[in-house]
Amino acid sequence: MVYFVGAGTGAPDLITVRGMRLIQHADIIIYAGSLVNPELLRYAGEKCEIYDSSKLILDEVIEIMQKAESNGMTTVRLHTGDPSIYGAVREQMDELDRLRIAYESCPGVSACFGAAASLNLEYTLPDISQSLIITRMEGKTGVPPRESIESFAAHHTSMAVYLSTGMLDELSKRLIRGGYDKETPAAIVYKATWHEEEAYICTVASLCETAKKHGITKTAIVLVGDVITHQKYAKSRLYASDFSTEFRKAKDKGQ
């Protein structure tokens, strides 16, 4: 059996309980060495074989899984954050389907949620934003034309931009071209929830300058939107005194 496990945002205690237990019982662990906090490997048993996938190609990863399966072993494929977001897991699953090897997924905390926790953000503030766009800039790997930064910026909603720290000057230009004001609040969070985490509030126009000032060149997520400064938002109707729910009647009569 192969388990695709989300390692979480970085802090070793932010992996799910299920994910931790899967690591504890794994015979083989293949982890994304360039992104996953190695402290998570302390949960592994003494006899567990550990492979760093940053040095492997897809065929080599599948070969390890196939060999483990033929020997009745349990494999944990440990991906950063949540495997469903930029995890490149579907291509592995398709190969396992072809080989008739069973697998399951275990979710994890993605970087945008770790970053929000670090900054005490709420992405969905009434009258400000009720949506969160998770995306990235095109780099060595392209993105569908309909999913350009400009097209998403036109919504003026909360945005989390992954895998784009080395292209911040271009990112700023595209965000502004798409509709964000230059002074729209933004944030750069480096290694969210890791011991070495750094988080900086800036503006869309000053993203590149802020990153250069603090020497951030990779392993960071960019957040964009007015929710970052949490001003001029409306309070939730859910807890308003004149609002009735299935569990509570309105306390302000006549409203």
C-alpha atoms as a PDB file:
ATOM      1  CA  MET A   1       0.000   0.000   0.000  1.00  0.00           C
ATOM      2  CA  VAL A   2       1.169   3.510  -0.826  1.00  0.00           C
ATOM      3  CA  TYR A   3       0.039   6.525   1.192  1.00  0.00           C
ATOM      4  CA  PHE A   4       0.378  10.048  -0.172  1.00  0.00           C
ATOM      5  CA  VAL A   5       0.773  12.129   2.979  1.00  0.00           C
ATOM      6  CA  GLY A   6       0.686  15.894   3.339  1.00  0.00           C
ATOM      7  CA  ALA A   7       3.612  16.972   5.499  1.00  0.00           C
ATOM      8  CA  GLY A   8       1.979  20.281   6.373  1.00  0.00           C
ATOM      9  CA  THR A   9       3.493  23.750   6.222  1.00  0.00           C
ATOM     10  CA  GLY A  10       6.776  22.962   7.928  1.00  0.00           C
ATOM     11  CA  ALA A  11       6.400  22.823  11.700  1.00  0.00           C
ATOM     12  CA  PRO A  12       6.697  19.132  12.658  1.00  0.00           C
ATOM     13  CA  ASP A  13       3.676  19.334  14.957  1.00  0.00           C
ATOM     14  CA  LEU A  14       1.440  20.678  12.186  1.00  0.00           C
ATOM     15  CA  ILE A  15       1.195  17.362  10.387  1.00  0.00           C
ATOM     16  CA  THR A  16      -2.121  15.586  10.926  1.00  0.00           C
ATOM     17  CA  VAL A  17      -2.337  12.853  13.551  1.00  0.00           C
ATOM     18  CA  ARG A  18      -3.159  10.397  10.761  1.00  0.00           C
ATOM     19  CA  GLY A  19      -0.138  11.526   8.768  1.00  0.00           C
ATOM     20  CA  MET A  20       2.145  11.129  11.782  1.00  0.00           C
ATOM     21  CA  ARG A  21       0.860   7.612  12.435  1.00  0.00           C
ATOM     22  CA  LEU A  22       1.366   6.623   8.810  1.00  0.00           C
ATOM     23  CA  ILE A  23       4.978   7.794   9.020  1.00  0.00           C
ATOM     24  CA  GLN A  24       5.454   5.854  12.259  1.00  0.00           C
ATOM     25  CA  HIS A  25       4.291   2.617  10.609  1.00  0.00           C
ATOM     26  CA  ALA A  26       5.972   3.109   7.224  1.00  0.00           C
ATOM     27  CA  ASP A  27       8.582   0.683   5.922  1.00  0.00           C
ATOM     28  CA  ILE A  28       9.581   3.086   3.145  1.00  0.00           C
ATOM     29  CA  ILE A  29       9.393   6.894   3.068  1.00  0.00           C
ATOM     30  CA  ILE A  30       9.946   8.912  -0.086  1.00  0.00           C
ATOM     31  CA  TYR A  31       9.954  12.573   0.874  1.00  0.00           C
ATOM     32  CA  ALA A  32      10.337  15.845  -1.019  1.00  0.00           C
ATOM     33  CA  GLY A  33      13.727  16.677   0.443  1.00  0.00           C
ATOM     34  CA  SER A  34      13.935  20.186  -0.968  1.00  0.00           C
ATOM     35  CA  LEU A  35      10.702  21.273   0.756  1.00  0.00           C
ATOM     36  CA  VAL A  36       9.678  18.925   3.572  1.00  0.00           C
ATOM     37  CA  ASN A  37      11.049  19.669   7.032  1.00  0.00           C
ATOM     38  CA  PRO A  38      13.448  16.774   7.812  1.00  0.00           C
ATOM     39  CA  GLU A  39      12.380  16.933  11.474  1.00  0.00           C
ATOM     40  CA  LEU A  40       9.255  15.039  10.398  1.00  0.00           C
ATOM     41  CA  LEU A  41      11.411  12.016   9.664  1.00  0.00           C
ATOM     42  CA  ARG A  42      11.976  11.641  13.411  1.00  0.00           C
ATOM     43  CA  TYR A  43       8.537  10.046  13.540  1.00  0.00           C
ATOM     44  CA  ALA A  44       9.808   7.195  11.362  1.00  0.00           C
ATOM     45  CA  GLY A  45      10.834   3.829  12.810  1.00  0.00           C
ATOM     46  CA  GLU A  46      14.479   2.830  13.120  1.00  0.00           C
ATOM     47  CA  LYS A  47      14.259   0.285  10.302  1.00  0.00           C
ATOM     48  CA  CYS A  48      12.419   2.568   7.896  1.00  0.00           C
ATOM     49  CA  GLU A  49      14.188   3.166   4.563  1.00  0.00           C
ATOM     50  CA  ILE A  50      14.150   6.842   3.565  1.00  0.00           C
ATOM     51  CA  TYR A  51      14.595   8.283   0.072  1.00  0.00           C
ATOM     52  CA  ASP A  52      14.939  11.932  -0.956  1.00  0.00           C
ATOM     53  CA  SER A  53      12.809  12.466  -4.072  1.00  0.00           C
ATOM     54  CA  SER A  54      14.551  15.729  -4.960  1.00  0.00           C
ATOM     55  CA  LYS A  55      17.293  13.531  -6.414  1.00  0.00           C
ATOM     56  CA  LEU A  56      14.931  11.170  -8.241  1.00  0.00           C
ATOM     57  CA  ILE A  57      12.906  11.176 -11.455  1.00  0.00           C
ATOM     58  CA  LEU A  58       9.346   9.849 -11.655  1.00  0.00           C
ATOM     59  CA  ASP A  59      10.376   6.412 -12.920  1.00  0.00           C
ATOM     60  CA  GLU A  60      12.783   5.978 -10.009  1.00  0.00           C
ATOM     61  CA  VAL A  61      10.110   6.949  -7.476  1.00  0.00           C
ATOM     62  CA  ILE A  62       7.695   4.417  -8.965  1.00  0.00           C
ATOM     63  CA  GLU A  63      10.386   1.751  -9.021  1.00  0.00           C
ATOM     64  CA  ILE A  64      10.908   2.145  -5.260  1.00  0.00           C
ATOM     65  CA  MET A  65       7.156   1.923  -4.660  1.00  0.00           C
ATOM     66  CA  GLN A  66       6.833  -1.140  -6.870  1.00  0.00           C
ATOM     67  CA  LYS A  67       9.695  -2.944  -5.140  1.00  0.00           C
ATOM     68  CA  ALA A  68       8.238  -2.132  -1.709  1.00  0.00           C
ATOM     69  CA  GLU A  69       4.833  -3.418  -2.788  1.00  0.00           C
ATOM     70  CA  SER A  70       6.305  -6.693  -4.065  1.00  0.00           C
ATOM     71  CA  ASN A  71       7.872  -7.189  -0.630  1.00  0.00           C
ATOM     72  CA  GLY A  72       4.639  -6.466   1.232  1.00  0.00           C
ATOM     73  CA  MET A  73       5.896  -3.143   2.574  1.00  0.00           C
ATOM     74  CA  THR A  74       4.036   0.075   3.332  1.00  0.00           C
ATOM     75  CA  THR A  75       5.239   3.182   1.522  1.00  0.00           C
ATOM     76  CA  VAL A  76       4.635   6.784   2.555  1.00  0.00           C
ATOM     77  CA  ARG A  77       5.095   9.367  -0.162  1.00  0.00           C
ATOM     78  CA  LEU A  78       5.598  12.521   1.909  1.00  0.00           C
ATOM     79  CA  HIS A  79       4.726  15.728   0.077  1.00  0.00           C
ATOM     80  CA  THR A  80       5.016  19.283   1.304  1.00  0.00           C
ATOM     81  CA  GLY A  81       1.830  21.035   2.449  1.00  0.00           C
ATOM     82  CA  ASP A  82      -1.198  19.257   1.029  1.00  0.00           C
ATOM     83  CA  PRO A  83      -0.558  16.769  -1.785  1.00  0.00           C
ATOM     84  CA  SER A  84      -3.497  18.085  -3.815  1.00  0.00           C
ATOM     85  CA  ILE A  85      -1.853  21.496  -4.346  1.00  0.00           C
ATOM     86  CA  TYR A  86       1.221  21.493  -6.621  1.00  0.00           C
ATOM     87  CA  GLY A  87       2.068  18.012  -5.385  1.00  0.00           C
ATOM     88  CA  ALA A  88       2.536  16.324  -8.786  1.00  0.00           C
ATOM     89  CA  VAL A  89       0.690  13.347  -7.312  1.00  0.00           C
ATOM     90  CA  ARG A  90      -1.707  12.526 -10.151  1.00  0.00           C
ATOM     91  CA  GLU A  91       1.093  11.307 -12.411  1.00  0.00           C
ATOM     92  CA  GLN A  92       2.310   8.998  -9.652  1.00  0.00           C
ATOM     93  CA  MET A  93      -1.205   7.702  -9.029  1.00  0.00           C
ATOM     94  CA  ASP A  94      -1.704   6.984 -12.721  1.00  0.00           C
ATOM     95  CA  GLU A  95       1.448   4.856 -12.726  1.00  0.00           C
ATOM     96  CA  LEU A  96       0.273   3.009  -9.622  1.00  0.00           C
ATOM     97  CA  ASP A  97      -3.083   2.400 -11.300  1.00  0.00           C
ATOM     98  CA  ARG A  98      -1.255   0.919 -14.252  1.00  0.00           C
ATOM     99  CA  LEU A  99       0.682  -1.369 -11.916  1.00  0.00           C
ATOM    100  CA  ARG A 100      -2.471  -2.171  -9.911  1.00  0.00           C
ATOM    101  CA  ILE A 101      -0.918  -0.906  -6.683  1.00  0.00           C
ATOM    102  CA  ALA A 102      -3.403   0.445  -4.138  1.00  0.00           C
ATOM    103  CA  TYR A 103      -2.963   3.921  -2.649  1.00  0.00           C
ATOM    104  CA  GLU A 104      -4.677   6.461  -0.414  1.00  0.00           C
ATOM    105  CA  SER A 105      -4.242  10.167   0.305  1.00  0.00           C
ATOM    106  CA  CYS A 106      -3.862  11.891   3.664  1.00  0.00           C
ATOM    107  CA  PRO A 107      -4.414  15.676   3.580  1.00  0.00           C
ATOM    108  CA  GLY A 108      -2.072  18.248   5.047  1.00  0.00           C
ATOM    109  CA  VAL A 109      -2.002  21.953   5.893  1.00  0.00           C
ATOM    110  CA  SER A 110      -1.037  23.964   2.829  1.00  0.00           C
ATOM    111  CA  ALA A 111       1.342  26.940   2.938  1.00  0.00           C
ATOM    112  CA  CYS A 112      -1.388  29.539   2.394  1.00  0.00           C
ATOM    113  CA  PHE A 113      -3.075  28.432   5.610  1.00  0.00           C
ATOM    114  CA  GLY A 114       0.186  28.326   7.541  1.00  0.00           C
ATOM    115  CA  ALA A 115       0.931  31.838   6.311  1.00  0.00           C
ATOM    116  CA  ALA A 116      -2.544  33.038   7.288  1.00  0.00           C
ATOM    117  CA  ALA A 117      -2.051  31.610  10.781  1.00  0.00           C
ATOM    118  CA  SER A 118       1.320  33.332  11.101  1.00  0.00           C
ATOM    119  CA  LEU A 119      -0.270  36.674  10.215  1.00  0.00           C
ATOM    120  CA  ASN A 120      -3.580  35.979  12.008  1.00  0.00           C
ATOM    121  CA  LEU A 121      -5.467  36.543   8.754  1.00  0.00           C
ATOM    122  CA  GLU A 122      -8.973  35.711   7.683  1.00  0.00           C
ATOM    123  CA  TYR A 123      -9.126  35.434   3.890  1.00  0.00           C
ATOM    124  CA  THR A 124     -12.900  35.820   3.755  1.00  0.00           C
ATOM    125  CA  LEU A 125     -13.933  39.103   5.364  1.00  0.00           C
ATOM    126  CA  PRO A 126     -17.491  40.329   4.635  1.00  0.00           C
ATOM    127  CA  ASP A 127     -17.620  43.276   2.207  1.00  0.00           C
ATOM    128  CA  ILE A 128     -13.933  42.739   1.392  1.00  0.00           C
ATOM    129  CA  SER A 129     -13.481  39.237  -0.005  1.00  0.00           C
ATOM    130  CA  GLN A 130     -15.440  36.008   0.052  1.00  0.00           C
ATOM    131  CA  SER A 131     -13.034  34.002  -2.105  1.00  0.00           C
ATOM    132  CA  LEU A 132      -9.440  32.826  -2.065  1.00  0.00           C
ATOM    133  CA  ILE A 133      -7.572  32.248  -5.312  1.00  0.00           C
ATOM    134  CA  ILE A 134      -4.623  29.851  -5.108  1.00  0.00           C
ATOM    135  CA  THR A 135      -2.350  30.156  -8.110  1.00  0.00           C
ATOM    136  CA  ARG A 136       1.205  30.628  -9.355  1.00  0.00           C
ATOM    137  CA  MET A 137       3.175  32.438 -12.025  1.00  0.00           C
ATOM    138  CA  GLU A 138       4.234  30.481 -15.064  1.00  0.00           C
ATOM    139  CA  GLY A 139       7.933  29.585 -14.920  1.00  0.00           C
ATOM    140  CA  LYS A 140       9.595  26.482 -16.318  1.00  0.00           C
ATOM    141  CA  THR A 141       6.088  25.015 -16.290  1.00  0.00           C
ATOM    142  CA  GLY A 142       3.331  27.003 -17.959  1.00  0.00           C
ATOM    143  CA  VAL A 143      -0.213  27.701 -16.797  1.00  0.00           C
ATOM    144  CA  PRO A 144      -3.431  27.566 -18.851  1.00  0.00           C
ATOM    145  CA  PRO A 145      -3.998  30.909 -20.693  1.00  0.00           C
ATOM    146  CA  ARG A 146      -7.317  31.465 -18.900  1.00  0.00           C
ATOM    147  CA  GLU A 147      -5.517  31.308 -15.538  1.00  0.00           C
ATOM    148  CA  SER A 148      -3.169  34.257 -15.963  1.00  0.00           C
ATOM    149  CA  ILE A 149      -2.324  36.450 -12.978  1.00  0.00           C
ATOM    150  CA  GLU A 150      -4.076  39.337 -14.733  1.00  0.00           C
ATOM    151  CA  SER A 151      -7.339  37.429 -15.126  1.00  0.00           C
ATOM    152  CA  PHE A 152      -7.403  36.496 -11.447  1.00  0.00           C
ATOM    153  CA  ALA A 153      -6.370  39.985 -10.309  1.00  0.00           C
ATOM    154  CA  ALA A 154      -9.480  41.371 -12.008  1.00  0.00           C
ATOM    155  CA  HIS A 155     -11.573  39.815  -9.231  1.00  0.00           C
ATOM    156  CA  HIS A 156      -9.869  41.951  -6.531  1.00  0.00           C
ATOM    157  CA  THR A 157     -10.260  39.068  -4.103  1.00  0.00           C
ATOM    158  CA  SER A 158      -7.780  37.405  -1.737  1.00  0.00           C
ATOM    159  CA  MET A 159      -4.974  35.665  -3.555  1.00  0.00           C
ATOM    160  CA  ALA A 160      -2.210  33.270  -2.519  1.00  0.00           C
ATOM    161  CA  VAL A 161       0.575  32.994  -5.073  1.00  0.00           C
ATOM    162  CA  TYR A 162       2.862  29.970  -4.832  1.00  0.00           C
ATOM    163  CA  LEU A 163       6.183  29.189  -6.517  1.00  0.00           C
ATOM    164  CA  SER A 164       6.780  32.754  -7.703  1.00  0.00           C
ATOM    165  CA  THR A 165       9.311  34.305  -5.320  1.00  0.00           C
ATOM    166  CA  GLY A 166      11.970  34.598  -8.019  1.00  0.00           C
ATOM    167  CA  MET A 167       9.628  36.574 -10.295  1.00  0.00           C
ATOM    168  CA  LEU A 168       8.227  39.219  -7.962  1.00  0.00           C
ATOM    169  CA  ASP A 169       8.894  42.209 -10.193  1.00  0.00           C
ATOM    170  CA  GLU A 170       6.913  40.599 -12.998  1.00  0.00           C
ATOM    171  CA  LEU A 171       4.257  39.424 -10.540  1.00  0.00           C
ATOM    172  CA  SER A 172       3.705  43.001  -9.318  1.00  0.00           C
ATOM    173  CA  LYS A 173       3.361  44.299 -12.865  1.00  0.00           C
ATOM    174  CA  ARG A 174       0.798  41.639 -13.735  1.00  0.00           C
ATOM    175  CA  LEU A 175      -1.220  42.123 -10.561  1.00  0.00           C
ATOM    176  CA  ILE A 176      -1.429  45.871 -11.253  1.00  0.00           C
ATOM    177  CA  ARG A 177      -2.151  45.305 -14.933  1.00  0.00           C
ATOM    178  CA  GLY A 178      -4.972  42.988 -13.937  1.00  0.00           C
ATOM    179  CA  GLY A 179      -6.664  45.496 -11.672  1.00  0.00           C
ATOM    180  CA  TYR A 180      -5.063  45.628  -8.230  1.00  0.00           C
ATOM    181  CA  ASP A 181      -4.118  49.124  -7.078  1.00  0.00           C
ATOM    182  CA  LYS A 182      -0.378  49.649  -6.480  1.00  0.00           C
ATOM    183  CA  GLU A 183      -1.079  50.235  -2.796  1.00  0.00           C
ATOM    184  CA  THR A 184      -3.107  47.050  -2.355  1.00  0.00           C
ATOM    185  CA  PRO A 185      -1.782  45.276   0.751  1.00  0.00           C
ATOM    186  CA  ALA A 186       0.446  42.259   0.167  1.00  0.00           C
ATOM    187  CA  ALA A 187       2.608  39.974   2.266  1.00  0.00           C
ATOM    188  CA  ILE A 188       5.616  37.751   1.755  1.00  0.00           C
ATOM    189  CA  VAL A 189       5.888  34.805   4.118  1.00  0.00           C
ATOM    190  CA  TYR A 190       9.126  32.845   3.976  1.00  0.00           C
ATOM    191  CA  LYS A 191       8.959  29.253   5.244  1.00  0.00           C
ATOM    192  CA  ALA A 192       5.642  29.701   7.007  1.00  0.00           C
ATOM    193  CA  THR A 193       5.575  27.933  10.425  1.00  0.00           C
ATOM    194  CA  TRP A 194       9.225  26.819  10.210  1.00  0.00           C
ATOM    195  CA  HIS A 195      11.646  27.947  12.937  1.00  0.00           C
ATOM    196  CA  GLU A 196      13.242  30.319  10.431  1.00  0.00           C
ATOM    197  CA  GLU A 197       9.954  31.848   9.290  1.00  0.00           C
ATOM    198  CA  GLU A 198       9.966  35.479   8.175  1.00  0.00           C
ATOM    199  CA  ALA A 199       6.823  37.459   7.333  1.00  0.00           C
ATOM    200  CA  TYR A 200       6.618  40.973   5.901  1.00  0.00           C
ATOM    201  CA  ILE A 201       3.633  43.174   5.096  1.00  0.00           C
ATOM    202  CA  CYS A 202       4.088  45.410   2.062  1.00  0.00           C
ATOM    203  CA  THR A 203       2.128  46.493  -1.015  1.00  0.00           C
ATOM    204  CA  VAL A 204       1.653  44.975  -4.443  1.00  0.00           C
ATOM    205  CA  ALA A 205       4.079  47.552  -5.864  1.00  0.00           C
ATOM    206  CA  SER A 206       6.796  46.873  -3.265  1.00  0.00           C
ATOM    207  CA  LEU A 207       6.857  43.049  -3.341  1.00  0.00           C
ATOM    208  CA  CYS A 208      10.184  42.798  -5.167  1.00  0.00           C
ATOM    209  CA  GLU A 209      11.820  45.549  -3.103  1.00  0.00           C
ATOM    210  CA  THR A 210      10.694  43.900   0.151  1.00  0.00           C
ATOM    211  CA  ALA A 211      12.035  40.496  -0.867  1.00  0.00           C
ATOM    212  CA  LYS A 212      15.411  41.967  -1.899  1.00  0.00           C
ATOM    213  CA  LYS A 213      15.681  43.928   1.347  1.00  0.00           C
ATOM    214  CA  HIS A 214      15.315  40.746   3.392  1.00  0.00           C
ATOM    215  CA  GLY A 215      17.219  38.396   1.087  1.00  0.00           C
ATOM    216  CA  ILE A 216      14.224  36.224   0.218  1.00  0.00           C
ATOM    217  CA  THR A 217      14.702  34.414  -3.083  1.00  0.00           C
ATOM    218  CA  LYS A 218      12.712  31.177  -2.709  1.00  0.00           C
ATOM    219  CA  THR A 219      10.486  29.061  -0.421  1.00  0.00           C
ATOM    220  CA  ALA A 220       8.025  31.878   0.191  1.00  0.00           C
ATOM    221  CA  ILE A 221       4.369  32.465  -0.517  1.00  0.00           C
ATOM    222  CA  VAL A 222       2.895  35.794  -1.607  1.00  0.00           C
ATOM    223  CA  LEU A 223      -0.481  36.927  -0.287  1.00  0.00           C
ATOM    224  CA  VAL A 224      -2.456  39.726  -1.896  1.00  0.00           C
ATOM    225  CA  GLY A 225      -5.641  41.539  -0.936  1.00  0.00           C
ATOM    226  CA  ASP A 226      -7.289  44.041   1.379  1.00  0.00           C
ATOM    227  CA  VAL A 227      -7.903  41.310   3.983  1.00  0.00           C
ATOM    228  CA  ILE A 228      -4.234  41.573   4.924  1.00  0.00           C
ATOM    229  CA  THR A 229      -4.785  44.889   6.696  1.00  0.00           C
ATOM    230  CA  HIS A 230      -8.344  43.873   7.798  1.00  0.00           C
ATOM    231  CA  GLN A 231      -9.843  47.351   7.694  1.00  0.00           C
ATOM    232  CA  LYS A 232     -13.340  48.549   6.699  1.00  0.00           C
ATOM    233  CA  TYR A 233     -14.847  45.076   6.697  1.00  0.00           C
ATOM    234  CA  ALA A 234     -18.364  44.217   7.831  1.00  0.00           C
ATOM    235  CA  LYS A 235     -18.944  42.052  10.878  1.00  0.00           C
ATOM    236  CA  SER A 236     -20.311  38.573  10.274  1.00  0.00           C
ATOM    237  CA  ARG A 237     -24.099  38.399  10.273  1.00  0.00           C
ATOM    238  CA  LEU A 238     -23.838  34.979  11.894  1.00  0.00           C
ATOM    239  CA  TYR A 239     -23.183  36.476  15.328  1.00  0.00           C
ATOM    240  CA  ALA A 240     -25.261  39.651  14.987  1.00  0.00           C
ATOM    241  CA  SER A 241     -27.821  40.205  17.769  1.00  0.00           C
ATOM    242  CA  ASP A 242     -30.650  40.694  15.258  1.00  0.00           C
ATOM    243  CA  PHE A 243     -29.851  37.531  13.296  1.00  0.00           C
ATOM    244  CA  SER A 244     -31.647  34.247  13.926  1.00  0.00           C
ATOM    245  CA  THR A 245     -30.151  30.844  13.191  1.00  0.00           C
ATOM    246  CA  GLU A 246     -31.246  27.235  13.592  1.00  0.00           C
ATOM    247  CA  PHE A 247     -29.644  27.284  17.051  1.00  0.00           C
ATOM    248  CA  ARG A 248     -30.335  30.826  18.312  1.00  0.00           C
ATOM    249  CA  LYS A 249     -33.144  33.370  18.058  1.00  0.00           C
ATOM    250  CA  ALA A 250     -32.463  37.048  17.448  1.00  0.00           C
ATOM    251  CA  LYS A 251     -32.112  38.977  20.693  1.00  0.00           C
ATOM    252  CA  ASP A 252     -32.914  42.412  19.251  1.00  0.00           C
ATOM    253  CA  LYS A 253     -36.686  42.285  18.735  1.00  0.00           C
ATOM    254  CA  GLY A 254     -38.312  44.218  15.959  1.00  0.00           C
ATOM    255  CA  GLN A 255     -35.174  44.178  13.752  1.00  0.00           C
END
